[in-house]
Amino acid sequence: MWTGITYDIRGKERLNTGKPFIMVVNHQCRSVFVDRFNHKKALQSLTKCADNILSKNLSVVVFPEGTRNHEGGMLTFKKGAFNIAVQAKVPVIPCVISSYRAFYDKEGKFFKTYGHLVVEIMSPVSTDELALEDVPGLTERIRYDMMKTFERISRVAEEKQKELETKKNA
């Protein structure tokens, strides 16, 4: 983690699945794993990823918003991660990171010397009984649940941030 940034991670035990999974996270690192401008190539990449998950017993972390978002809240999710999960019949494990707006300088593109994050790993969502036509509903349901969690843990992080500021100014 960044110097001076404190954090709480909640729900780590939910990662002990004993089998591969797809983790969807609400924070972006600007990595692109599929050709978003060529539908055919994108589908090939998704199918290859699903095959690799099963053949190599992999778990995959995906940032479904597809780009950075410093404005708060969450952008619309891309469906790729959910397509992969349904094809591979592996669970989706949502992971939510609280807002960092209180200690991020958007213009300078750096984090201040102190701040607090809350990371919550949510319960796995099974895809065993789902087909590709279920992907849009799955995507929206998980996004909705992640957004509610984001709002809740961001309030917790904001309170902790205020405590840090009070200590720093004392």
N, C-alpha and C. Protein backbone atom coordinates (compact mmCIF):
# COMPACT_ATOMS: atom_id res chain seq x y z
N MET A 1 0.84 -1.18 0.00
CA MET A 1 0.00 0.00 0.00
C MET A 1 0.89 1.24 0.00
N TRP A 2 0.27 2.38 -0.27
CA TRP A 2 0.99 3.64 -0.32
C TRP A 2 1.47 4.03 1.07
N THR A 3 2.58 4.73 1.13
CA THR A 3 3.10 5.19 2.41
C THR A 3 2.08 6.10 3.08
N GLY A 4 1.80 5.83 4.34
CA GLY A 4 0.88 6.66 5.09
C GLY A 4 -0.59 6.33 4.89
N ILE A 5 -0.91 5.46 3.96
CA ILE A 5 -2.30 5.09 3.72
C ILE A 5 -2.59 3.85 4.56
N THR A 6 -3.58 3.95 5.43
CA THR A 6 -3.98 2.80 6.23
C THR A 6 -5.15 2.11 5.54
N TYR A 7 -5.39 0.87 5.90
CA TYR A 7 -6.48 0.15 5.25
C TYR A 7 -6.98 -0.98 6.14
N ASP A 8 -8.22 -1.36 5.91
CA ASP A 8 -8.84 -2.53 6.52
C ASP A 8 -9.28 -3.43 5.38
N ILE A 9 -8.99 -4.70 5.47
CA ILE A 9 -9.48 -5.66 4.48
C ILE A 9 -10.47 -6.57 5.18
N ARG A 10 -11.67 -6.62 4.64
CA ARG A 10 -12.75 -7.40 5.24
C ARG A 10 -13.15 -8.54 4.30
N GLY A 11 -13.39 -9.71 4.84
CA GLY A 11 -13.89 -10.82 4.05
C GLY A 11 -12.82 -11.66 3.37
N LYS A 12 -11.56 -11.57 3.83
CA LYS A 12 -10.48 -12.35 3.21
C LYS A 12 -10.81 -13.84 3.17
N GLU A 13 -11.55 -14.31 4.15
CA GLU A 13 -11.88 -15.74 4.21
C GLU A 13 -12.70 -16.18 3.00
N ARG A 14 -13.34 -15.25 2.33
CA ARG A 14 -14.16 -15.60 1.16
C ARG A 14 -13.31 -15.98 -0.04
N LEU A 15 -12.01 -15.75 0.04
CA LEU A 15 -11.12 -16.13 -1.06
C LEU A 15 -10.67 -17.58 -0.97
N ASN A 16 -10.93 -18.25 0.13
CA ASN A 16 -10.54 -19.64 0.32
C ASN A 16 -11.59 -20.56 -0.29
N THR A 17 -11.73 -20.50 -1.62
CA THR A 17 -12.77 -21.27 -2.29
C THR A 17 -12.32 -22.68 -2.63
N GLY A 18 -11.01 -22.91 -2.72
CA GLY A 18 -10.52 -24.22 -3.11
C GLY A 18 -10.68 -24.51 -4.58
N LYS A 19 -11.17 -23.53 -5.34
CA LYS A 19 -11.31 -23.71 -6.79
C LYS A 19 -11.15 -22.35 -7.45
N PRO A 20 -10.95 -22.33 -8.77
CA PRO A 20 -10.78 -21.05 -9.47
C PRO A 20 -12.00 -20.15 -9.32
N PHE A 21 -11.77 -18.85 -9.49
CA PHE A 21 -12.86 -17.88 -9.44
C PHE A 21 -12.48 -16.65 -10.26
N ILE A 22 -13.47 -15.81 -10.50
CA ILE A 22 -13.27 -14.50 -11.12
C ILE A 22 -13.52 -13.48 -10.03
N MET A 23 -12.55 -12.59 -9.79
CA MET A 23 -12.76 -11.51 -8.83
C MET A 23 -12.97 -10.23 -9.63
N VAL A 24 -14.06 -9.54 -9.36
CA VAL A 24 -14.31 -8.25 -10.00
C VAL A 24 -14.11 -7.17 -8.96
N VAL A 25 -13.34 -6.15 -9.33
CA VAL A 25 -12.93 -5.11 -8.40
C VAL A 25 -13.32 -3.75 -8.98
N ASN A 26 -13.69 -2.80 -8.13
CA ASN A 26 -14.16 -1.51 -8.61
C ASN A 26 -13.07 -0.47 -8.75
N HIS A 27 -11.82 -0.86 -8.82
CA HIS A 27 -10.72 0.10 -8.93
C HIS A 27 -9.90 -0.27 -10.15
N GLN A 28 -9.48 0.71 -10.94
CA GLN A 28 -8.85 0.41 -12.21
C GLN A 28 -7.35 0.55 -12.20
N CYS A 29 -6.69 -0.26 -13.00
CA CYS A 29 -5.24 -0.14 -13.17
C CYS A 29 -4.90 0.09 -14.64
N ARG A 30 -5.89 0.32 -15.47
CA ARG A 30 -5.73 0.64 -16.88
C ARG A 30 -5.13 -0.50 -17.70
N SER A 31 -5.32 -1.71 -17.26
CA SER A 31 -4.88 -2.87 -18.02
C SER A 31 -6.00 -3.29 -18.95
N VAL A 32 -5.66 -3.65 -20.16
CA VAL A 32 -6.64 -4.11 -21.12
C VAL A 32 -6.25 -5.52 -21.54
N PHE A 33 -7.11 -6.46 -21.27
CA PHE A 33 -6.81 -7.85 -21.57
C PHE A 33 -7.50 -8.33 -22.84
N VAL A 34 -8.44 -7.56 -23.35
CA VAL A 34 -9.15 -7.93 -24.58
C VAL A 34 -9.17 -6.73 -25.51
N ASP A 35 -9.33 -7.01 -26.80
CA ASP A 35 -9.44 -5.95 -27.80
C ASP A 35 -10.87 -5.42 -27.76
N ARG A 36 -11.06 -4.30 -27.11
CA ARG A 36 -12.41 -3.76 -26.91
C ARG A 36 -13.02 -3.19 -28.19
N PHE A 37 -12.21 -3.08 -29.23
CA PHE A 37 -12.70 -2.47 -30.47
C PHE A 37 -12.94 -3.51 -31.56
N ASN A 38 -12.64 -4.77 -31.28
CA ASN A 38 -12.86 -5.84 -32.25
C ASN A 38 -13.63 -6.94 -31.54
N HIS A 39 -14.93 -6.98 -31.78
CA HIS A 39 -15.81 -7.89 -31.06
C HIS A 39 -15.38 -9.35 -31.22
N LYS A 40 -15.02 -9.74 -32.43
CA LYS A 40 -14.62 -11.13 -32.68
C LYS A 40 -13.37 -11.49 -31.88
N LYS A 41 -12.37 -10.62 -31.91
CA LYS A 41 -11.14 -10.88 -31.15
C LYS A 41 -11.41 -10.86 -29.65
N ALA A 42 -12.30 -9.98 -29.22
CA ALA A 42 -12.64 -9.91 -27.80
C ALA A 42 -13.26 -11.23 -27.34
N LEU A 43 -14.20 -11.76 -28.13
CA LEU A 43 -14.84 -13.03 -27.78
C LEU A 43 -13.83 -14.17 -27.75
N GLN A 44 -12.89 -14.15 -28.71
CA GLN A 44 -11.84 -15.18 -28.72
C GLN A 44 -10.99 -15.09 -27.46
N SER A 45 -10.66 -13.87 -27.05
CA SER A 45 -9.87 -13.68 -25.83
C SER A 45 -10.62 -14.18 -24.60
N LEU A 46 -11.92 -13.89 -24.55
CA LEU A 46 -12.73 -14.33 -23.41
C LEU A 46 -12.81 -15.85 -23.34
N THR A 47 -13.01 -16.48 -24.49
CA THR A 47 -13.08 -17.94 -24.53
C THR A 47 -11.75 -18.55 -24.13
N LYS A 48 -10.65 -17.97 -24.64
CA LYS A 48 -9.32 -18.47 -24.28
C LYS A 48 -9.08 -18.32 -22.78
N CYS A 49 -9.50 -17.20 -22.23
CA CYS A 49 -9.34 -16.97 -20.79
C CYS A 49 -10.13 -18.00 -19.99
N ALA A 50 -11.37 -18.25 -20.39
CA ALA A 50 -12.20 -19.25 -19.70
C ALA A 50 -11.55 -20.62 -19.77
N ASP A 51 -11.01 -20.98 -20.93
CA ASP A 51 -10.32 -22.27 -21.09
C ASP A 51 -9.10 -22.35 -20.18
N ASN A 52 -8.32 -21.27 -20.11
CA ASN A 52 -7.11 -21.25 -19.27
C ASN A 52 -7.45 -21.34 -17.79
N ILE A 53 -8.54 -20.71 -17.38
CA ILE A 53 -8.96 -20.79 -15.98
C ILE A 53 -9.15 -22.25 -15.58
N LEU A 54 -9.81 -22.99 -16.45
CA LEU A 54 -10.10 -24.39 -16.14
C LEU A 54 -8.87 -25.28 -16.30
N SER A 55 -8.15 -25.14 -17.41
CA SER A 55 -7.03 -26.04 -17.68
C SER A 55 -5.84 -25.79 -16.77
N LYS A 56 -5.65 -24.54 -16.34
CA LYS A 56 -4.50 -24.19 -15.50
C LYS A 56 -4.87 -23.89 -14.06
N ASN A 57 -6.16 -24.09 -13.72
CA ASN A 57 -6.65 -23.86 -12.36
C ASN A 57 -6.33 -22.44 -11.88
N LEU A 58 -6.64 -21.46 -12.72
CA LEU A 58 -6.33 -20.06 -12.43
C LEU A 58 -7.52 -19.32 -11.82
N SER A 59 -7.21 -18.31 -11.05
CA SER A 59 -8.19 -17.32 -10.64
C SER A 59 -7.78 -16.02 -11.31
N VAL A 60 -8.74 -15.19 -11.66
CA VAL A 60 -8.47 -13.99 -12.44
C VAL A 60 -9.07 -12.78 -11.73
N VAL A 61 -8.33 -11.67 -11.73
CA VAL A 61 -8.84 -10.40 -11.19
C VAL A 61 -9.16 -9.50 -12.37
N VAL A 62 -10.38 -8.96 -12.38
CA VAL A 62 -10.84 -8.12 -13.48
C VAL A 62 -11.38 -6.81 -12.92
N PHE A 63 -11.12 -5.72 -13.61
CA PHE A 63 -11.65 -4.40 -13.26
C PHE A 63 -12.74 -4.08 -14.28
N PRO A 64 -14.00 -4.42 -13.99
CA PRO A 64 -15.05 -4.39 -15.01
C PRO A 64 -15.49 -3.01 -15.49
N GLU A 65 -15.04 -1.94 -14.83
CA GLU A 65 -15.41 -0.61 -15.32
C GLU A 65 -14.64 -0.27 -16.59
N GLY A 66 -13.49 -0.89 -16.78
CA GLY A 66 -12.74 -0.72 -18.02
C GLY A 66 -11.86 0.51 -18.10
N THR A 67 -11.95 1.41 -17.14
CA THR A 67 -11.12 2.62 -17.14
C THR A 67 -11.09 3.19 -15.74
N ARG A 68 -10.20 4.13 -15.52
CA ARG A 68 -10.11 4.77 -14.20
C ARG A 68 -11.34 5.66 -13.97
N ASN A 69 -11.69 5.77 -12.70
CA ASN A 69 -12.82 6.61 -12.33
C ASN A 69 -12.50 7.29 -11.01
N HIS A 70 -12.15 8.57 -11.06
CA HIS A 70 -11.82 9.32 -9.85
C HIS A 70 -13.00 10.16 -9.36
N GLU A 71 -14.16 9.99 -9.93
CA GLU A 71 -15.31 10.83 -9.61
C GLU A 71 -16.16 10.28 -8.48
N GLY A 72 -15.91 9.10 -8.02
CA GLY A 72 -16.76 8.47 -7.01
C GLY A 72 -17.81 7.62 -7.67
N GLY A 73 -18.39 6.71 -6.93
CA GLY A 73 -19.35 5.79 -7.52
C GLY A 73 -18.67 4.80 -8.44
N MET A 74 -19.46 4.20 -9.31
CA MET A 74 -18.91 3.22 -10.25
C MET A 74 -19.49 3.45 -11.63
N LEU A 75 -18.66 3.23 -12.62
CA LEU A 75 -19.09 3.31 -14.00
C LEU A 75 -19.87 2.05 -14.36
N THR A 76 -20.49 2.05 -15.53
CA THR A 76 -21.16 0.86 -16.03
C THR A 76 -20.12 -0.24 -16.21
N PHE A 77 -20.47 -1.46 -15.85
CA PHE A 77 -19.54 -2.58 -15.98
C PHE A 77 -19.55 -3.13 -17.40
N LYS A 78 -18.36 -3.48 -17.89
CA LYS A 78 -18.23 -4.25 -19.12
C LYS A 78 -18.60 -5.69 -18.76
N LYS A 79 -19.05 -6.46 -19.72
CA LYS A 79 -19.57 -7.80 -19.44
C LYS A 79 -18.53 -8.91 -19.55
N GLY A 80 -17.30 -8.59 -19.98
CA GLY A 80 -16.29 -9.62 -20.23
C GLY A 80 -16.04 -10.56 -19.08
N ALA A 81 -15.83 -10.03 -17.88
CA ALA A 81 -15.54 -10.89 -16.72
C ALA A 81 -16.69 -11.85 -16.45
N PHE A 82 -17.89 -11.38 -16.64
CA PHE A 82 -19.07 -12.17 -16.34
C PHE A 82 -19.29 -13.24 -17.42
N ASN A 83 -18.96 -12.90 -18.67
CA ASN A 83 -18.98 -13.90 -19.74
C ASN A 83 -17.99 -15.02 -19.44
N ILE A 84 -16.79 -14.64 -19.02
CA ILE A 84 -15.76 -15.64 -18.69
C ILE A 84 -16.25 -16.54 -17.56
N ALA A 85 -16.78 -15.93 -16.50
CA ALA A 85 -17.24 -16.71 -15.35
C ALA A 85 -18.33 -17.70 -15.73
N VAL A 86 -19.28 -17.26 -16.55
CA VAL A 86 -20.38 -18.13 -16.96
C VAL A 86 -19.85 -19.24 -17.86
N GLN A 87 -18.96 -18.91 -18.80
CA GLN A 87 -18.40 -19.94 -19.68
C GLN A 87 -17.61 -20.99 -18.89
N ALA A 88 -16.82 -20.52 -17.92
CA ALA A 88 -15.98 -21.43 -17.14
C ALA A 88 -16.72 -22.06 -15.97
N LYS A 89 -17.94 -21.58 -15.69
CA LYS A 89 -18.73 -22.06 -14.55
C LYS A 89 -17.96 -21.91 -13.24
N VAL A 90 -17.35 -20.73 -13.08
CA VAL A 90 -16.64 -20.41 -11.84
C VAL A 90 -17.36 -19.25 -11.16
N PRO A 91 -17.28 -19.15 -9.84
CA PRO A 91 -17.97 -18.07 -9.15
C PRO A 91 -17.31 -16.71 -9.40
N VAL A 92 -18.11 -15.68 -9.25
CA VAL A 92 -17.62 -14.30 -9.28
C VAL A 92 -17.52 -13.85 -7.82
N ILE A 93 -16.37 -13.33 -7.44
CA ILE A 93 -16.20 -12.81 -6.08
C ILE A 93 -16.02 -11.30 -6.18
N PRO A 94 -17.05 -10.53 -5.86
CA PRO A 94 -16.92 -9.08 -5.90
C PRO A 94 -15.99 -8.57 -4.79
N CYS A 95 -15.19 -7.60 -5.13
CA CYS A 95 -14.28 -6.95 -4.18
C CYS A 95 -14.44 -5.45 -4.36
N VAL A 96 -14.71 -4.75 -3.29
CA VAL A 96 -14.99 -3.32 -3.37
C VAL A 96 -13.96 -2.54 -2.56
N ILE A 97 -13.43 -1.49 -3.17
CA ILE A 97 -12.49 -0.59 -2.51
C ILE A 97 -13.20 0.73 -2.28
N SER A 98 -13.14 1.23 -1.06
CA SER A 98 -13.81 2.49 -0.73
C SER A 98 -13.22 3.66 -1.52
N SER A 99 -13.93 4.76 -1.51
CA SER A 99 -13.48 5.97 -2.18
C SER A 99 -12.17 6.47 -1.58
N TYR A 100 -11.31 6.99 -2.45
CA TYR A 100 -10.05 7.59 -1.99
C TYR A 100 -10.01 9.08 -2.33
N ARG A 101 -11.14 9.64 -2.70
CA ARG A 101 -11.20 11.05 -3.12
C ARG A 101 -10.67 12.01 -2.06
N ALA A 102 -10.86 11.68 -0.78
CA ALA A 102 -10.46 12.59 0.30
C ALA A 102 -8.95 12.76 0.39
N PHE A 103 -8.19 11.82 -0.16
CA PHE A 103 -6.73 11.91 -0.05
C PHE A 103 -6.02 11.70 -1.38
N TYR A 104 -6.74 11.93 -2.48
CA TYR A 104 -6.13 11.84 -3.81
C TYR A 104 -6.17 13.21 -4.47
N ASP A 105 -5.04 13.65 -4.99
CA ASP A 105 -4.96 14.91 -5.72
C ASP A 105 -5.12 14.59 -7.20
N LYS A 106 -6.31 14.85 -7.73
CA LYS A 106 -6.62 14.49 -9.12
C LYS A 106 -5.76 15.27 -10.11
N GLU A 107 -5.54 16.55 -9.84
CA GLU A 107 -4.73 17.37 -10.76
C GLU A 107 -3.28 16.92 -10.76
N GLY A 108 -2.71 16.70 -9.57
CA GLY A 108 -1.32 16.28 -9.48
C GLY A 108 -1.13 14.79 -9.68
N LYS A 109 -2.22 14.05 -9.64
CA LYS A 109 -2.21 12.59 -9.81
C LYS A 109 -1.31 11.91 -8.78
N PHE A 110 -1.53 12.25 -7.51
CA PHE A 110 -0.78 11.60 -6.45
C PHE A 110 -1.66 11.49 -5.21
N PHE A 111 -1.27 10.58 -4.32
CA PHE A 111 -1.96 10.42 -3.05
C PHE A 111 -1.27 11.25 -2.00
N LYS A 112 -2.07 11.86 -1.13
CA LYS A 112 -1.51 12.62 -0.01
C LYS A 112 -0.76 11.66 0.91
N THR A 113 -0.12 12.19 1.91
CA THR A 113 0.72 11.36 2.76
C THR A 113 -0.06 10.53 3.78
N TYR A 114 -1.35 10.72 3.87
CA TYR A 114 -2.14 9.90 4.78
C TYR A 114 -3.54 9.74 4.21
N GLY A 115 -4.19 8.68 4.62
CA GLY A 115 -5.54 8.40 4.16
C GLY A 115 -5.95 7.02 4.66
N HIS A 116 -7.20 6.66 4.41
CA HIS A 116 -7.68 5.36 4.86
C HIS A 116 -8.60 4.75 3.81
N LEU A 117 -8.38 3.48 3.53
CA LEU A 117 -9.21 2.71 2.61
C LEU A 117 -9.85 1.54 3.36
N VAL A 118 -11.01 1.15 2.89
CA VAL A 118 -11.64 -0.09 3.34
C VAL A 118 -11.80 -0.95 2.10
N VAL A 119 -11.35 -2.18 2.17
CA VAL A 119 -11.50 -3.15 1.09
C VAL A 119 -12.41 -4.25 1.61
N GLU A 120 -13.49 -4.52 0.90
CA GLU A 120 -14.39 -5.59 1.33
C GLU A 120 -14.55 -6.62 0.23
N ILE A 121 -14.23 -7.86 0.57
CA ILE A 121 -14.43 -8.98 -0.34
C ILE A 121 -15.80 -9.54 -0.02
N MET A 122 -16.66 -9.52 -1.03
CA MET A 122 -18.05 -9.93 -0.83
C MET A 122 -18.21 -11.43 -1.03
N SER A 123 -19.38 -11.95 -0.75
CA SER A 123 -19.65 -13.38 -0.92
C SER A 123 -19.60 -13.78 -2.38
N PRO A 124 -19.09 -14.99 -2.66
CA PRO A 124 -19.06 -15.48 -4.05
C PRO A 124 -20.47 -15.59 -4.63
N VAL A 125 -20.56 -15.33 -5.93
CA VAL A 125 -21.82 -15.46 -6.67
C VAL A 125 -21.65 -16.62 -7.64
N SER A 126 -22.44 -17.66 -7.49
CA SER A 126 -22.33 -18.85 -8.33
C SER A 126 -22.79 -18.56 -9.75
N THR A 127 -22.13 -19.21 -10.70
CA THR A 127 -22.55 -19.14 -12.10
C THR A 127 -22.91 -20.53 -12.62
N ASP A 128 -22.95 -21.52 -11.72
CA ASP A 128 -23.16 -22.91 -12.12
C ASP A 128 -24.41 -23.12 -12.97
N GLU A 129 -25.48 -22.44 -12.63
CA GLU A 129 -26.76 -22.65 -13.32
C GLU A 129 -27.04 -21.59 -14.39
N LEU A 130 -26.05 -20.77 -14.73
CA LEU A 130 -26.28 -19.66 -15.65
C LEU A 130 -25.80 -19.97 -17.06
N ALA A 131 -26.45 -19.33 -18.03
CA ALA A 131 -26.07 -19.41 -19.44
C ALA A 131 -25.68 -18.01 -19.90
N LEU A 132 -25.11 -17.92 -21.10
CA LEU A 132 -24.64 -16.62 -21.59
C LEU A 132 -25.74 -15.57 -21.64
N GLU A 133 -26.98 -15.98 -21.87
CA GLU A 133 -28.07 -15.00 -21.91
C GLU A 133 -28.36 -14.40 -20.53
N ASP A 134 -27.83 -15.01 -19.48
CA ASP A 134 -28.00 -14.49 -18.12
C ASP A 134 -26.95 -13.45 -17.75
N VAL A 135 -25.94 -13.27 -18.59
CA VAL A 135 -24.82 -12.38 -18.26
C VAL A 135 -25.26 -10.93 -18.00
N PRO A 136 -26.12 -10.32 -18.82
CA PRO A 136 -26.50 -8.93 -18.52
C PRO A 136 -27.13 -8.77 -17.13
N GLY A 137 -28.02 -9.66 -16.75
CA GLY A 137 -28.64 -9.58 -15.44
C GLY A 137 -27.64 -9.82 -14.31
N LEU A 138 -26.75 -10.78 -14.51
CA LEU A 138 -25.70 -11.06 -13.52
C LEU A 138 -24.82 -9.83 -13.34
N THR A 139 -24.43 -9.23 -14.44
CA THR A 139 -23.57 -8.05 -14.41
C THR A 139 -24.22 -6.92 -13.63
N GLU A 140 -25.46 -6.63 -13.92
CA GLU A 140 -26.17 -5.53 -13.25
C GLU A 140 -26.41 -5.83 -11.77
N ARG A 141 -26.75 -7.08 -11.46
CA ARG A 141 -27.00 -7.44 -10.06
C ARG A 141 -25.73 -7.28 -9.22
N ILE A 142 -24.61 -7.74 -9.76
CA ILE A 142 -23.35 -7.62 -9.02
C ILE A 142 -22.94 -6.16 -8.92
N ARG A 143 -23.11 -5.39 -9.99
CA ARG A 143 -22.76 -3.97 -9.93
C ARG A 143 -23.60 -3.26 -8.86
N TYR A 144 -24.89 -3.55 -8.83
CA TYR A 144 -25.78 -2.94 -7.84
C TYR A 144 -25.31 -3.27 -6.42
N ASP A 145 -25.03 -4.55 -6.17
CA ASP A 145 -24.58 -4.96 -4.84
C ASP A 145 -23.24 -4.32 -4.49
N MET A 146 -22.34 -4.23 -5.46
CA MET A 146 -21.04 -3.59 -5.23
C MET A 146 -21.21 -2.10 -4.94
N MET A 147 -22.13 -1.46 -5.64
CA MET A 147 -22.36 -0.03 -5.43
C MET A 147 -22.87 0.23 -4.01
N LYS A 148 -23.80 -0.59 -3.55
CA LYS A 148 -24.31 -0.45 -2.18
C LYS A 148 -23.17 -0.64 -1.17
N THR A 149 -22.32 -1.62 -1.40
CA THR A 149 -21.18 -1.86 -0.52
C THR A 149 -20.21 -0.69 -0.58
N PHE A 150 -19.96 -0.17 -1.79
CA PHE A 150 -19.06 0.98 -1.97
C PHE A 150 -19.55 2.16 -1.14
N GLU A 151 -20.83 2.45 -1.21
CA GLU A 151 -21.39 3.58 -0.46
C GLU A 151 -21.21 3.36 1.04
N ARG A 152 -21.48 2.15 1.51
CA ARG A 152 -21.39 1.84 2.94
C ARG A 152 -19.94 1.93 3.44
N ILE A 153 -19.01 1.28 2.76
CA ILE A 153 -17.63 1.27 3.25
C ILE A 153 -16.94 2.61 3.03
N SER A 154 -17.41 3.39 2.05
CA SER A 154 -16.84 4.72 1.85
C SER A 154 -17.20 5.64 3.01
N ARG A 155 -18.40 5.46 3.59
CA ARG A 155 -18.76 6.23 4.79
C ARG A 155 -17.85 5.85 5.95
N VAL A 156 -17.56 4.56 6.10
CA VAL A 156 -16.66 4.10 7.17
C VAL A 156 -15.27 4.68 6.96
N ALA A 157 -14.78 4.62 5.73
CA ALA A 157 -13.44 5.15 5.42
C ALA A 157 -13.39 6.66 5.64
N GLU A 158 -14.47 7.35 5.31
CA GLU A 158 -14.52 8.81 5.50
C GLU A 158 -14.41 9.16 6.99
N GLU A 159 -15.08 8.40 7.84
CA GLU A 159 -14.99 8.64 9.29
C GLU A 159 -13.56 8.41 9.78
N LYS A 160 -12.94 7.34 9.31
CA LYS A 160 -11.55 7.06 9.69
C LYS A 160 -10.63 8.16 9.16
N GLN A 161 -10.91 8.66 7.96
CA GLN A 161 -10.13 9.75 7.37
C GLN A 161 -10.21 11.00 8.25
N LYS A 162 -11.40 11.30 8.75
CA LYS A 162 -11.57 12.45 9.64
C LYS A 162 -10.74 12.28 10.92
N GLU A 163 -10.72 11.06 11.45
CA GLU A 163 -9.90 10.78 12.64
C GLU A 163 -8.42 11.02 12.34
N LEU A 164 -7.97 10.57 11.17
CA LEU A 164 -6.57 10.77 10.78
C LEU A 164 -6.24 12.25 10.67
N GLU A 165 -7.16 13.02 10.07
CA GLU A 165 -6.94 14.46 9.92
C GLU A 165 -6.90 15.15 11.28
N THR A 166 -7.78 14.72 12.19
CA THR A 166 -7.79 15.30 13.54
C THR A 166 -6.46 15.03 14.24
N LYS A 167 -5.96 13.81 14.15
CA LYS A 167 -4.67 13.46 14.77
C LYS A 167 -3.53 14.24 14.13
N LYS A 168 -3.57 14.39 12.81
CA LYS A 168 -2.50 15.10 12.10
C LYS A 168 -2.48 16.58 12.49
N ASN A 169 -3.66 17.16 12.69
CA ASN A 169 -3.76 18.59 13.01
C ASN A 169 -3.62 18.88 14.51
N ALA A 170 -3.56 17.83 15.33
CA ALA A 170 -3.47 18.03 16.79
C ALA A 170 -2.05 18.40 17.22
